[in-house]
C-alpha atoms as a PDB file:
ATOM      1  CA  MET A   1       0.523  -6.759 -14.155  1.00  0.00           C
ATOM      2  CA  VAL A   2       2.653  -4.677 -11.702  1.00  0.00           C
ATOM      3  CA  LEU A   3       3.076  -0.877 -12.439  1.00  0.00           C
ATOM      4  CA  ASP A   4       5.087   1.823 -11.290  1.00  0.00           C
ATOM      5  CA  PRO A   5       3.316   4.708  -9.329  1.00  0.00           C
ATOM      6  CA  ALA A   6       2.999   6.826 -12.468  1.00  0.00           C
ATOM      7  CA  LYS A   7       1.600   4.046 -14.677  1.00  0.00           C
ATOM      8  CA  PHE A   8      -0.543   2.847 -11.734  1.00  0.00           C
ATOM      9  CA  ILE A   9      -1.966   6.294 -11.202  1.00  0.00           C
ATOM     10  CA  ALA A  10      -2.662   6.793 -14.983  1.00  0.00           C
ATOM     11  CA  GLU A  11      -4.713   3.451 -14.840  1.00  0.00           C
ATOM     12  CA  LEU A  12      -7.146   4.666 -11.978  1.00  0.00           C
ATOM     13  CA  PRO A  13      -9.829   6.386 -14.240  1.00  0.00           C
ATOM     14  CA  GLU A  14     -10.514   3.104 -15.617  1.00  0.00           C
ATOM     15  CA  ARG A  15     -10.428   0.958 -12.614  1.00  0.00           C
ATOM     16  CA  VAL A  16     -11.701   0.655  -9.036  1.00  0.00           C
ATOM     17  CA  MET A  17      -8.760   1.207  -6.676  1.00  0.00           C
ATOM     18  CA  LEU A  18      -8.609  -1.163  -3.383  1.00  0.00           C
ATOM     19  CA  ASP A  19      -6.254  -0.281  -0.498  1.00  0.00           C
ATOM     20  CA  VAL A  20      -5.766  -3.696   1.127  1.00  0.00           C
ATOM     21  CA  ARG A  21      -3.782  -2.477   4.039  1.00  0.00           C
ATOM     22  CA  SER A  22      -5.426  -2.215   7.582  1.00  0.00           C
ATOM     23  CA  PRO A  23      -7.950   0.339   8.469  1.00  0.00           C
ATOM     24  CA  GLY A  24      -5.405   2.239  10.579  1.00  0.00           C
ATOM     25  CA  GLU A  25      -2.978   2.478   7.846  1.00  0.00           C
ATOM     26  CA  TYR A  26      -5.640   3.697   5.371  1.00  0.00           C
ATOM     27  CA  ALA A  27      -6.680   6.465   7.930  1.00  0.00           C
ATOM     28  CA  HIS A  28      -3.305   7.756   8.254  1.00  0.00           C
ATOM     29  CA  GLY A  29      -2.941   8.340   4.726  1.00  0.00           C
ATOM     30  CA  HIS A  30      -4.224   6.758   1.331  1.00  0.00           C
ATOM     31  CA  ILE A  31      -4.153   7.512  -2.306  1.00  0.00           C
ATOM     32  CA  PRO A  32      -7.096   9.819  -3.242  1.00  0.00           C
ATOM     33  CA  GLY A  33      -9.910   7.652  -4.642  1.00  0.00           C
ATOM     34  CA  ALA A  34      -8.813   4.454  -2.958  1.00  0.00           C
ATOM     35  CA  LEU A  35     -11.413   2.338  -1.100  1.00  0.00           C
ATOM     36  CA  SER A  36     -10.454   0.560   2.014  1.00  0.00           C
ATOM     37  CA  PHE A  37     -10.544  -3.000   1.477  1.00  0.00           C
ATOM     38  CA  PRO A  38      -8.450  -4.521   4.258  1.00  0.00           C
ATOM     39  CA  LEU A  39      -6.816  -8.016   4.196  1.00  0.00           C
ATOM     40  CA  PHE A  40      -6.543  -7.862   7.916  1.00  0.00           C
ATOM     41  CA  ASP A  41      -8.268  -5.592  10.475  1.00  0.00           C
ATOM     42  CA  ASP A  42      -5.859  -3.728  12.805  1.00  0.00           C
ATOM     43  CA  ALA A  43      -5.966  -6.406  15.485  1.00  0.00           C
ATOM     44  CA  GLU A  44      -5.256  -9.031  12.968  1.00  0.00           C
ATOM     45  CA  ARG A  45      -2.383  -7.262  11.393  1.00  0.00           C
ATOM     46  CA  SER A  46      -0.974  -6.747  14.863  1.00  0.00           C
ATOM     47  CA  GLN A  47      -1.112 -10.542  15.438  1.00  0.00           C
ATOM     48  CA  VAL A  48       0.425 -11.441  12.400  1.00  0.00           C
ATOM     49  CA  GLY A  49       3.312  -8.899  12.853  1.00  0.00           C
ATOM     50  CA  THR A  50       3.917 -10.017  16.247  1.00  0.00           C
ATOM     51  CA  MET A  51       4.057 -13.807  15.318  1.00  0.00           C
ATOM     52  CA  TYR A  52       6.592 -12.824  12.365  1.00  0.00           C
ATOM     53  CA  LYS A  53       8.767 -11.148  15.083  1.00  0.00           C
ATOM     54  CA  GLN A  54       8.615 -13.763  17.649  1.00  0.00           C
ATOM     55  CA  THR A  55       8.681 -17.020  15.667  1.00  0.00           C
ATOM     56  CA  GLY A  56       9.391 -16.240  12.104  1.00  0.00           C
ATOM     57  CA  LYS A  57       7.934 -15.825   8.636  1.00  0.00           C
ATOM     58  CA  GLU A  58       6.423 -19.358   8.151  1.00  0.00           C
ATOM     59  CA  GLU A  59       4.503 -19.269  11.250  1.00  0.00           C
ATOM     60  CA  ALA A  60       3.187 -15.752  10.508  1.00  0.00           C
ATOM     61  CA  MET A  61       2.236 -16.901   7.029  1.00  0.00           C
ATOM     62  CA  GLU A  62       0.207 -19.813   8.490  1.00  0.00           C
ATOM     63  CA  LEU A  63      -1.414 -17.605  10.859  1.00  0.00           C
ATOM     64  CA  GLY A  64      -2.340 -15.159   8.148  1.00  0.00           C
ATOM     65  CA  LEU A  65      -3.726 -17.746   5.956  1.00  0.00           C
ATOM     66  CA  SER A  66      -5.853 -19.002   8.860  1.00  0.00           C
ATOM     67  CA  ILE A  67      -7.299 -15.627   9.223  1.00  0.00           C
ATOM     68  CA  VAL A  68      -7.823 -14.821   5.549  1.00  0.00           C
ATOM     69  CA  GLY A  69      -9.064 -18.318   4.313  1.00  0.00           C
ATOM     70  CA  PRO A  70     -12.708 -17.928   5.706  1.00  0.00           C
ATOM     71  CA  LYS A  71     -12.880 -14.409   4.226  1.00  0.00           C
ATOM     72  CA  MET A  72     -11.938 -15.319   0.656  1.00  0.00           C
ATOM     73  CA  ALA A  73     -15.422 -15.857  -0.854  1.00  0.00           C
ATOM     74  CA  ASP A  74     -16.601 -12.657   0.796  1.00  0.00           C
ATOM     75  CA  PHE A  75     -13.777 -10.663  -0.763  1.00  0.00           C
ATOM     76  CA  VAL A  76     -14.814 -11.748  -4.177  1.00  0.00           C
ATOM     77  CA  LYS A  77     -18.465 -10.938  -3.544  1.00  0.00           C
ATOM     78  CA  GLN A  78     -17.511  -7.490  -2.221  1.00  0.00           C
ATOM     79  CA  ALA A  79     -15.232  -6.789  -5.058  1.00  0.00           C
ATOM     80  CA  LYS A  80     -17.878  -7.905  -7.603  1.00  0.00           C
ATOM     81  CA  LYS A  81     -20.293  -5.307  -6.111  1.00  0.00           C
ATOM     82  CA  LEU A  82     -17.781  -2.474  -6.066  1.00  0.00           C
ATOM     83  CA  ALA A  83     -16.290  -3.274  -9.537  1.00  0.00           C
ATOM     84  CA  PRO A  84     -18.861  -4.674 -11.875  1.00  0.00           C
ATOM     85  CA  GLY A  85     -16.642  -4.061 -14.815  1.00  0.00           C
ATOM     86  CA  ARG A  86     -14.142  -6.489 -13.149  1.00  0.00           C
ATOM     87  CA  ARG A  87     -11.263  -3.992 -13.528  1.00  0.00           C
ATOM     88  CA  LEU A  88      -9.238  -3.587 -10.392  1.00  0.00           C
ATOM     89  CA  ALA A  89      -6.195  -1.522  -8.986  1.00  0.00           C
ATOM     90  CA  VAL A  90      -4.883  -3.197  -5.915  1.00  0.00           C
ATOM     91  CA  HIS A  91      -2.070  -1.986  -3.470  1.00  0.00           C
ATOM     92  CA  CYS A  92      -0.806  -2.482   0.120  1.00  0.00           C
ATOM     93  CA  TRP A  93       2.250  -0.813   1.905  1.00  0.00           C
ATOM     94  CA  ARG A  94       5.334  -2.348  -0.040  1.00  0.00           C
ATOM     95  CA  GLY A  95       3.622  -4.162  -2.855  1.00  0.00           C
ATOM     96  CA  GLY A  96       4.273  -7.463  -1.170  1.00  0.00           C
ATOM     97  CA  GLN A  97       2.400 -10.282   0.431  1.00  0.00           C
ATOM     98  CA  ARG A  98      -0.911  -8.666   0.962  1.00  0.00           C
ATOM     99  CA  SER A  99      -1.447  -7.018  -2.516  1.00  0.00           C
ATOM    100  CA  GLY A 100      -0.128 -10.107  -4.273  1.00  0.00           C
ATOM    101  CA  SER A 101      -2.330 -12.687  -2.590  1.00  0.00           C
ATOM    102  CA  MET A 102      -5.473 -10.282  -3.196  1.00  0.00           C
ATOM    103  CA  ALA A 103      -4.533  -9.866  -6.886  1.00  0.00           C
ATOM    104  CA  TRP A 104      -4.075 -13.586  -7.242  1.00  0.00           C
ATOM    105  CA  LEU A 105      -7.549 -14.126  -5.704  1.00  0.00           C
ATOM    106  CA  PHE A 106      -9.121 -11.677  -7.937  1.00  0.00           C
ATOM    107  CA  ARG A 107      -7.697 -12.979 -10.999  1.00  0.00           C
ATOM    108  CA  GLN A 108      -8.673 -16.501 -10.311  1.00  0.00           C
ATOM    109  CA  SER A 109     -12.270 -14.956  -9.998  1.00  0.00           C
ATOM    110  CA  GLY A 110     -12.134 -13.323 -13.378  1.00  0.00           C
ATOM    111  CA  PHE A 111     -11.014  -9.830 -12.693  1.00  0.00           C
ATOM    112  CA  ASP A 112      -8.458  -7.860 -14.484  1.00  0.00           C
ATOM    113  CA  VAL A 113      -5.927  -6.606 -11.864  1.00  0.00           C
ATOM    114  CA  VAL A 114      -2.978  -4.241 -11.776  1.00  0.00           C
ATOM    115  CA  THR A 115      -0.904  -3.876  -8.541  1.00  0.00           C
ATOM    116  CA  LEU A 116       1.424  -1.080  -7.444  1.00  0.00           C
ATOM    117  CA  HIS A 117       5.299  -1.751  -7.587  1.00  0.00           C
ATOM    118  CA  GLY A 118       6.578  -0.829  -4.052  1.00  0.00           C
ATOM    119  CA  GLY A 119       3.044  -0.276  -2.765  1.00  0.00           C
ATOM    120  CA  TYR A 120       1.910   2.922  -0.927  1.00  0.00           C
ATOM    121  CA  LYS A 121       5.458   3.566   0.266  1.00  0.00           C
ATOM    122  CA  ALA A 122       6.606   4.005  -3.467  1.00  0.00           C
ATOM    123  CA  TYR A 123       3.468   6.263  -4.217  1.00  0.00           C
ATOM    124  CA  ARG A 124       4.663   8.431  -1.080  1.00  0.00           C
ATOM    125  CA  GLN A 125       8.048   8.831  -2.503  1.00  0.00           C
ATOM    126  CA  TYR A 126       6.820   9.558  -6.002  1.00  0.00           C
ATOM    127  CA  ILE A 127       4.481  12.497  -4.844  1.00  0.00           C
ATOM    128  CA  LEU A 128       7.158  13.946  -2.613  1.00  0.00           C
ATOM    129  CA  ASP A 129       9.515  14.005  -5.528  1.00  0.00           C
ATOM    130  CA  GLY A 130       6.699  15.558  -7.573  1.00  0.00           C
ATOM    131  CA  PHE A 131       6.487  18.519  -5.266  1.00  0.00           C
ATOM    132  CA  LYS A 132      10.245  19.209  -6.085  1.00  0.00           C
ATOM    133  CA  THR A 133       9.844  18.904  -9.689  1.00  0.00           C
ATOM    134  CA  THR A 134       6.432  20.451 -10.553  1.00  0.00           C
ATOM    135  CA  SER A 135       6.638  23.331 -12.846  1.00  0.00           C
ATOM    136  CA  LEU A 136       3.363  25.078 -12.356  1.00  0.00           C
ATOM    137  CA  LYS A 137       3.010  28.852 -13.155  1.00  0.00           C
ATOM    138  CA  LEU A 138       1.930  29.961  -9.778  1.00  0.00           C
ATOM    139  CA  ILE A 139       0.258  33.269  -8.924  1.00  0.00           C
ATOM    140  CA  VAL A 140      -0.188  33.958  -5.221  1.00  0.00           C
ATOM    141  CA  LEU A 141      -3.257  35.772  -4.263  1.00  0.00           C
ATOM    142  CA  GLY A 142      -2.785  37.878  -1.100  1.00  0.00           C
ATOM    143  CA  GLY A 143      -4.781  40.242   1.032  1.00  0.00           C
ATOM    144  CA  ARG A 144      -5.585  41.089   4.528  1.00  0.00           C
ATOM    145  CA  THR A 145      -7.792  38.875   6.675  1.00  0.00           C
ATOM    146  CA  GLY A 146     -11.398  39.213   5.689  1.00  0.00           C
ATOM    147  CA  SER A 147     -10.718  40.103   1.986  1.00  0.00           C
ATOM    148  CA  GLY A 148     -12.630  37.112   0.892  1.00  0.00           C
ATOM    149  CA  LYS A 149      -9.644  35.548  -1.018  1.00  0.00           C
ATOM    150  CA  THR A 150     -11.201  32.073  -1.125  1.00  0.00           C
ATOM    151  CA  LYS A 151     -14.296  33.303  -2.626  1.00  0.00           C
ATOM    152  CA  ILE A 152     -12.535  35.343  -5.161  1.00  0.00           C
ATOM    153  CA  LEU A 153     -10.298  32.243  -5.929  1.00  0.00           C
ATOM    154  CA  HIS A 154     -13.441  30.122  -6.693  1.00  0.00           C
ATOM    155  CA  LYS A 155     -14.892  32.931  -8.885  1.00  0.00           C
ATOM    156  CA  LEU A 156     -11.556  32.842 -10.854  1.00  0.00           C
ATOM    157  CA  LYS A 157     -12.127  29.186 -11.254  1.00  0.00           C
ATOM    158  CA  ASN A 158     -15.658  30.004 -12.708  1.00  0.00           C
ATOM    159  CA  LEU A 159     -14.153  32.354 -15.084  1.00  0.00           C
ATOM    160  CA  GLY A 160     -11.839  29.706 -16.510  1.00  0.00           C
ATOM    161  CA  GLU A 161      -8.694  30.244 -14.429  1.00  0.00           C
ATOM    162  CA  GLN A 162      -6.996  27.334 -12.816  1.00  0.00           C
ATOM    163  CA  ILE A 163      -6.651  27.359  -8.889  1.00  0.00           C
ATOM    164  CA  ILE A 164      -5.587  25.358  -5.981  1.00  0.00           C
ATOM    165  CA  ASP A 165      -7.752  25.860  -2.864  1.00  0.00           C
ATOM    166  CA  LEU A 166      -5.134  25.129  -0.065  1.00  0.00           C
ATOM    167  CA  GLU A 167      -7.556  25.784   2.572  1.00  0.00           C
ATOM    168  CA  GLY A 168     -10.511  23.883   1.118  1.00  0.00           C
ATOM    169  CA  LEU A 169      -7.987  20.823   1.003  1.00  0.00           C
ATOM    170  CA  ALA A 170      -7.023  21.525   4.563  1.00  0.00           C
ATOM    171  CA  HIS A 171     -10.646  22.023   5.803  1.00  0.00           C
ATOM    172  CA  HIS A 172      -9.273  24.992   7.723  1.00  0.00           C
ATOM    173  CA  LYS A 173      -9.335  28.906   6.874  1.00  0.00           C
ATOM    174  CA  GLY A 174      -5.720  29.299   8.125  1.00  0.00           C
ATOM    175  CA  SER A 175      -6.189  31.550  10.979  1.00  0.00           C
ATOM    176  CA  ALA A 176      -6.712  30.734  14.713  1.00  0.00           C
ATOM    177  CA  PHE A 177     -10.470  31.036  13.829  1.00  0.00           C
ATOM    178  CA  GLY A 178      -9.987  28.772  10.832  1.00  0.00           C
ATOM    179  CA  PHE A 179     -11.385  25.640  12.536  1.00  0.00           C
ATOM    180  CA  ILE A 180     -14.856  27.073  12.891  1.00  0.00           C
ATOM    181  CA  GLY A 181     -17.553  25.771  10.587  1.00  0.00           C
ATOM    182  CA  GLU A 182     -15.187  23.266   9.067  1.00  0.00           C
ATOM    183  CA  GLN A 183     -14.902  19.372   8.979  1.00  0.00           C
ATOM    184  CA  PRO A 184     -12.131  17.628  10.766  1.00  0.00           C
ATOM    185  CA  GLN A 185      -8.787  18.130   9.265  1.00  0.00           C
ATOM    186  CA  PRO A 186      -6.871  15.498   7.279  1.00  0.00           C
ATOM    187  CA  THR A 187      -3.534  14.136   8.491  1.00  0.00           C
ATOM    188  CA  VAL A 188      -0.506  15.837   7.201  1.00  0.00           C
ATOM    189  CA  GLU A 189       0.093  12.901   5.137  1.00  0.00           C
ATOM    190  CA  GLN A 190      -3.289  12.877   3.683  1.00  0.00           C
ATOM    191  CA  TYR A 191      -3.132  16.506   3.035  1.00  0.00           C
ATOM    192  CA  GLU A 192      -0.022  16.053   0.867  1.00  0.00           C
ATOM    193  CA  ASN A 193      -1.609  13.327  -1.106  1.00  0.00           C
ATOM    194  CA  ASP A 194      -4.788  15.411  -1.726  1.00  0.00           C
ATOM    195  CA  LEU A 195      -2.667  18.346  -2.840  1.00  0.00           C
ATOM    196  CA  PHE A 196      -0.577  16.247  -5.275  1.00  0.00           C
ATOM    197  CA  GLN A 197      -3.678  14.975  -6.750  1.00  0.00           C
ATOM    198  CA  ALA A 198      -5.070  18.609  -7.208  1.00  0.00           C
ATOM    199  CA  ILE A 199      -1.672  19.614  -8.792  1.00  0.00           C
ATOM    200  CA  SER A 200      -1.741  16.664 -11.150  1.00  0.00           C
ATOM    201  CA  GLN A 201      -5.074  17.593 -12.568  1.00  0.00           C
ATOM    202  CA  LEU A 202      -3.935  21.049 -13.679  1.00  0.00           C
ATOM    203  CA  ASP A 203      -2.433  21.992 -17.088  1.00  0.00           C
ATOM    204  CA  PRO A 204       1.220  23.094 -16.370  1.00  0.00           C
ATOM    205  CA  GLY A 205       1.090  25.447 -19.473  1.00  0.00           C
ATOM    206  CA  ARG A 206      -1.413  27.749 -17.954  1.00  0.00           C
ATOM    207  CA  ARG A 207      -1.170  29.888 -14.681  1.00  0.00           C
ATOM    208  CA  VAL A 208      -2.541  28.678 -11.511  1.00  0.00           C
ATOM    209  CA  TRP A 209      -3.955  30.954  -8.735  1.00  0.00           C
ATOM    210  CA  ILE A 210      -3.231  29.970  -5.184  1.00  0.00           C
ATOM    211  CA  GLU A 211      -3.862  31.732  -1.968  1.00  0.00           C
ATOM    212  CA  ASN A 212      -1.040  33.220   0.234  1.00  0.00           C
ATOM    213  CA  GLU A 213      -0.523  31.119   3.196  1.00  0.00           C
ATOM    214  CA  SER A 214       1.877  30.284   5.938  1.00  0.00           C
ATOM    215  CA  LYS A 215       3.622  26.841   6.072  1.00  0.00           C
ATOM    216  CA  SER A 216       0.974  25.667   8.355  1.00  0.00           C
ATOM    217  CA  ILE A 217      -2.758  25.377   7.835  1.00  0.00           C
ATOM    218  CA  GLY A 218      -4.193  24.586  11.233  1.00  0.00           C
ATOM    219  CA  ARG A 219      -2.548  21.258  12.005  1.00  0.00           C
ATOM    220  CA  VAL A 220      -1.387  20.433   8.327  1.00  0.00           C
ATOM    221  CA  TYR A 221       1.700  21.635   6.552  1.00  0.00           C
ATOM    222  CA  ILE A 222       2.138  22.672   2.940  1.00  0.00           C
ATOM    223  CA  PRO A 223       5.032  20.561   1.681  1.00  0.00           C
ATOM    224  CA  LEU A 224       8.270  22.558   1.853  1.00  0.00           C
ATOM    225  CA  ASP A 225       9.409  22.124  -1.679  1.00  0.00           C
ATOM    226  CA  PHE A 226       5.929  23.354  -2.881  1.00  0.00           C
ATOM    227  CA  TRP A 227       5.857  26.197  -0.360  1.00  0.00           C
ATOM    228  CA  ALA A 228       9.258  27.414  -1.557  1.00  0.00           C
ATOM    229  CA  LYS A 229       7.728  27.608  -5.204  1.00  0.00           C
ATOM    230  CA  MET A 230       4.957  29.603  -3.867  1.00  0.00           C
ATOM    231  CA  LYS A 231       7.313  32.036  -2.209  1.00  0.00           C
ATOM    232  CA  ALA A 232       9.073  32.409  -5.560  1.00  0.00           C
ATOM    233  CA  ALA A 233       6.041  33.140  -7.421  1.00  0.00           C
ATOM    234  CA  PRO A 234       4.453  36.632  -8.351  1.00  0.00           C
ATOM    235  CA  LEU A 235       2.136  37.877  -5.397  1.00  0.00           C
ATOM    236  CA  VAL A 236      -1.011  39.981  -6.235  1.00  0.00           C
ATOM    237  CA  ASN A 237      -2.263  41.629  -3.088  1.00  0.00           C
ATOM    238  CA  ILE A 238      -5.644  43.030  -3.073  1.00  0.00           C
ATOM    239  CA  ASP A 239      -6.856  45.849  -0.655  1.00  0.00           C
ATOM    240  CA  ILE A 240     -10.665  46.135  -0.021  1.00  0.00           C
ATOM    241  CA  PRO A 241     -12.476  48.523   2.452  1.00  0.00           C
ATOM    242  CA  ASN A 242     -12.227  47.805   6.035  1.00  0.00           C
ATOM    243  CA  HIS A 243     -16.079  47.873   6.592  1.00  0.00           C
ATOM    244  CA  ILE A 244     -16.426  45.137   3.946  1.00  0.00           C
ATOM    245  CA  ARG A 245     -13.612  43.018   5.522  1.00  0.00           C
ATOM    246  CA  LEU A 246     -15.331  43.289   8.756  1.00  0.00           C
ATOM    247  CA  GLU A 247     -18.858  42.095   7.474  1.00  0.00           C
ATOM    248  CA  ASN A 248     -17.052  39.198   5.783  1.00  0.00           C
ATOM    249  CA  LEU A 249     -15.398  38.114   8.851  1.00  0.00           C
ATOM    250  CA  VAL A 250     -18.821  38.137  10.801  1.00  0.00           C
ATOM    251  CA  LYS A 251     -20.538  36.033   7.955  1.00  0.00           C
ATOM    252  CA  ASP A 252     -17.690  33.560   7.816  1.00  0.00           C
ATOM    253  CA  TYR A 253     -17.199  32.908  11.536  1.00  0.00           C
ATOM    254  CA  VAL A 254     -20.448  33.547  13.332  1.00  0.00           C
ATOM    255  CA  LEU A 255     -21.632  30.184  12.540  1.00  0.00           C
ATOM    256  CA  THR A 256     -21.756  28.543  15.785  1.00  0.00           C
ATOM    257  CA  ASP A 257     -22.097  29.204  19.583  1.00  0.00           C
ATOM    258  CA  ARG A 258     -19.751  32.064  20.875  1.00  0.00           C
ATOM    259  CA  SER A 259     -17.593  29.387  22.753  1.00  0.00           C
ATOM    260  CA  ALA A 260     -15.700  28.512  19.677  1.00  0.00           C
ATOM    261  CA  LEU A 261     -15.001  32.194  18.975  1.00  0.00           C
ATOM    262  CA  GLN A 262     -13.755  32.554  22.472  1.00  0.00           C
ATOM    263  CA  VAL A 263     -11.512  29.628  22.204  1.00  0.00           C
ATOM    264  CA  ALA A 264     -10.067  31.093  19.008  1.00  0.00           C
ATOM    265  CA  PHE A 265      -9.395  34.346  20.809  1.00  0.00           C
ATOM    266  CA  GLU A 266      -7.675  32.510  23.585  1.00  0.00           C
ATOM    267  CA  LYS A 267      -5.230  30.835  20.944  1.00  0.00           C
ATOM    268  CA  ILE A 268      -3.956  34.374  20.217  1.00  0.00           C
ATOM    269  CA  ALA A 269      -4.304  35.846  23.672  1.00  0.00           C
ATOM    270  CA  LYS A 270      -0.550  36.393  24.209  1.00  0.00           C
ATOM    271  CA  LYS A 271      -0.380  38.416  21.061  1.00  0.00           C
ATOM    272  CA  LEU A 272      -3.498  40.283  21.658  1.00  0.00           C
ATOM    273  CA  GLY A 273      -2.575  41.239  25.055  1.00  0.00           C
ATOM    274  CA  GLY A 274      -4.741  40.962  28.394  1.00  0.00           C
ATOM    275  CA  LEU A 275      -6.956  44.009  27.755  1.00  0.00           C
ATOM    276  CA  HIS A 276      -7.768  43.257  23.986  1.00  0.00           C
ATOM    277  CA  LEU A 277      -8.642  39.701  25.029  1.00  0.00           C
ATOM    278  CA  LYS A 278     -10.909  40.755  27.830  1.00  0.00           C
ATOM    279  CA  GLN A 279     -12.656  43.279  25.427  1.00  0.00           C
ATOM    280  CA  ALA A 280     -13.085  40.671  22.896  1.00  0.00           C
ATOM    281  CA  VAL A 281     -14.562  38.116  25.292  1.00  0.00           C
ATOM    282  CA  GLU A 282     -16.909  40.864  26.660  1.00  0.00           C
ATOM    283  CA  SER A 283     -18.170  41.767  23.166  1.00  0.00           C
ATOM    284  CA  LEU A 284     -18.853  37.998  22.507  1.00  0.00           C
ATOM    285  CA  GLU A 285     -20.974  37.751  25.785  1.00  0.00           C
ATOM    286  CA  GLN A 286     -22.984  40.710  24.526  1.00  0.00           C
ATOM    287  CA  ASN A 287     -23.365  39.248  21.078  1.00  0.00           C
ATOM    288  CA  ASP A 288     -21.473  42.197  19.540  1.00  0.00           C
ATOM    289  CA  PHE A 289     -19.633  40.262  17.000  1.00  0.00           C
ATOM    290  CA  HIS A 290     -18.668  43.361  15.060  1.00  0.00           C
ATOM    291  CA  ALA A 291     -16.683  44.764  18.053  1.00  0.00           C
ATOM    292  CA  ALA A 292     -14.930  41.434  18.417  1.00  0.00           C
ATOM    293  CA  ALA A 293     -14.092  41.244  14.827  1.00  0.00           C
ATOM    294  CA  LYS A 294     -12.442  44.660  14.993  1.00  0.00           C
ATOM    295  CA  ILE A 295     -10.178  43.439  17.709  1.00  0.00           C
ATOM    296  CA  ALA A 296      -9.299  40.603  15.576  1.00  0.00           C
ATOM    297  CA  LEU A 297      -8.680  42.588  12.624  1.00  0.00           C
ATOM    298  CA  GLN A 298      -6.247  44.819  14.506  1.00  0.00           C
ATOM    299  CA  TYR A 299      -4.080  41.855  15.236  1.00  0.00           C
ATOM    300  CA  TYR A 300      -4.016  40.226  11.859  1.00  0.00           C
ATOM    301  CA  ASP A 301      -3.527  43.467  10.051  1.00  0.00           C
ATOM    302  CA  LYS A 302      -0.362  43.958  11.861  1.00  0.00           C
ATOM    303  CA  THR A 303       0.868  40.453  11.232  1.00  0.00           C
ATOM    304  CA  TYR A 304      -0.030  40.798   7.469  1.00  0.00           C
ATOM    305  CA  GLU A 305       1.856  43.994   7.009  1.00  0.00           C
ATOM    306  CA  HIS A 306       4.911  42.578   8.716  1.00  0.00           C
ATOM    307  CA  ASN A 307       4.879  39.350   6.710  1.00  0.00           C
ATOM    308  CA  LEU A 308       4.362  41.318   3.553  1.00  0.00           C
ATOM    309  CA  MET A 309       7.646  43.350   4.339  1.00  0.00           C
ATOM    310  CA  LEU A 310       9.537  40.086   4.686  1.00  0.00           C
ATOM    311  CA  ASN A 311       7.987  38.462   1.533  1.00  0.00           C
ATOM    312  CA  VAL A 312      10.850  37.503  -1.040  1.00  0.00           C
ATOM    313  CA  SER A 313       8.449  37.358  -3.999  1.00  0.00           C
ATOM    314  CA  PRO A 314      10.391  38.788  -7.139  1.00  0.00           C
ATOM    315  CA  ASP A 315       6.992  40.377  -8.212  1.00  0.00           C
ATOM    316  CA  ILE A 316       4.522  41.950  -5.562  1.00  0.00           C
ATOM    317  CA  ARG A 317       1.733  44.160  -6.870  1.00  0.00           C
ATOM    318  CA  ARG A 318      -0.943  45.718  -4.845  1.00  0.00           C
ATOM    319  CA  ILE A 319      -4.314  46.490  -6.183  1.00  0.00           C
ATOM    320  CA  GLU A 320      -6.971  48.676  -4.488  1.00  0.00           C
ATOM    321  CA  PHE A 321     -10.738  48.094  -4.686  1.00  0.00           C
ATOM    322  CA  ASP A 322     -13.368  50.302  -3.353  1.00  0.00           C
ATOM    323  CA  TYR A 323     -15.762  47.305  -3.365  1.00  0.00           C
ATOM    324  CA  GLY A 324     -15.529  43.818  -2.164  1.00  0.00           C
ATOM    325  CA  ASP A 325     -17.692  41.807  -4.772  1.00  0.00           C
ATOM    326  CA  PRO A 326     -15.606  38.423  -5.497  1.00  0.00           C
ATOM    327  CA  GLU A 327     -16.766  38.177  -8.920  1.00  0.00           C
ATOM    328  CA  ALA A 328     -16.064  41.771  -9.970  1.00  0.00           C
ATOM    329  CA  ILE A 329     -12.530  41.523  -8.335  1.00  0.00           C
ATOM    330  CA  ALA A 330     -11.999  38.019 -10.127  1.00  0.00           C
ATOM    331  CA  ARG A 331     -12.871  39.711 -13.426  1.00  0.00           C
ATOM    332  CA  VAL A 332     -10.125  42.385 -12.787  1.00  0.00           C
ATOM    333  CA  LEU A 333      -7.633  39.725 -12.024  1.00  0.00           C
ATOM    334  CA  THR A 334      -8.224  37.585 -15.039  1.00  0.00           C
ATOM    335  CA  ASN A 335      -7.430  40.761 -17.290  1.00  0.00           C
ATOM    336  CA  ILE A 336      -3.964  40.759 -15.893  1.00  0.00           C
ATOM    337  CA  GLN A 337      -1.857  39.820 -18.938  1.00  0.00           C
ATOM    338  CA  ASP A 338       1.751  39.892 -17.749  1.00  0.00           C
ATOM    339  CA  LEU A 339       1.648  37.156 -15.233  1.00  0.00           C
END
C-alpha cells in the first residue's frame, strides 16, 4: 500500500520505519524514528548513479541488481529482527525504485508493508507546508540571559502545560556560549524534521509555551514561517535578580575546561571590545568565573533590551520576581488566564 505523507506518518506508531536511502542521505536528514536500512551504501549509490548518467537506465539497473542480489537474504533476516511483528513502513528519496524493490522483497517474505508516495522528498514538502499552516496557540517566554527560561519551561511541562524546547531540539543554548556541554547539533534539515514532530504531538486547542529565540540557534535555523508565528504571539518576559542570573550562568557553563569559555568570549570579541575581552580572559585564567560571567551579562543585557524594543508582539508583559526558583515561577505563569 502506497500512502501520502500524512497517512504514512499516521501508520508509524504501529510499524517499524526503514529508510532505505544511503547512509549519507540519512545523516543529512531523516524522518524522526526512521531506522537507516540502506539498499546501497554511499559508494554503491555513487556507482549506480554514475552508470545511469554515463550509459543509461538499463545498465544502471543491472549494476544495482548485481549489488543487491547477494544482500537480499540478509535484508530479510535483519528486518525480522527489527520488526518481529512483520509490520513495516519503507521509504526512499522519491518513492521509486529503492523503496519499491525493498517493499516487494519484504512482502514476498511475509511482511505487511506500506510505502511513502513521493518518498522523503514529499515528506519534506509536507512538513514545510505544515509550518505555514500550524495554528498552535503560542506563548513566548522571554527573559534576560541567565533567567533559567529552559528550566522554567520544563517545570511548566511538569505542571501540565504544553511546551516546545527549541534549544533542546537544537542541542544548543542559543548564545555564543550555547555549545558548551551539548551534543553535536543536528543539520538544519534534521532540526526542521524534529521540530515538526514535536509540533505534531501537541494539542492545537491548548496553549503552548516556547522560549524566545533568534532565527538561529547555533548553526540551525527556526523555519521562517514558524518563527513569524512566534513573533506574532504574546510575549511574557520574566525579570529575576541579577545575582541569581549570575549563579545560573556559572552553573550552566562552567562544565568543562576554561578553553571552551575563552572560545565563546572570542566569538563576541568585537561586540565586547578589546578591554572587556582581555578582562574576561584574565578572569578565566584566574578561575574567577563569576567575574567573567558579569562581563558576559553586560553584553547580553544590552542586546536583550535592544531586541525587546524592536519586538513586534501584540501583547508584551513583564513580570518581576524577587526569586529564581523555576518551579515557583512556573506556577505563577500557569495561573495567567488571559493568554
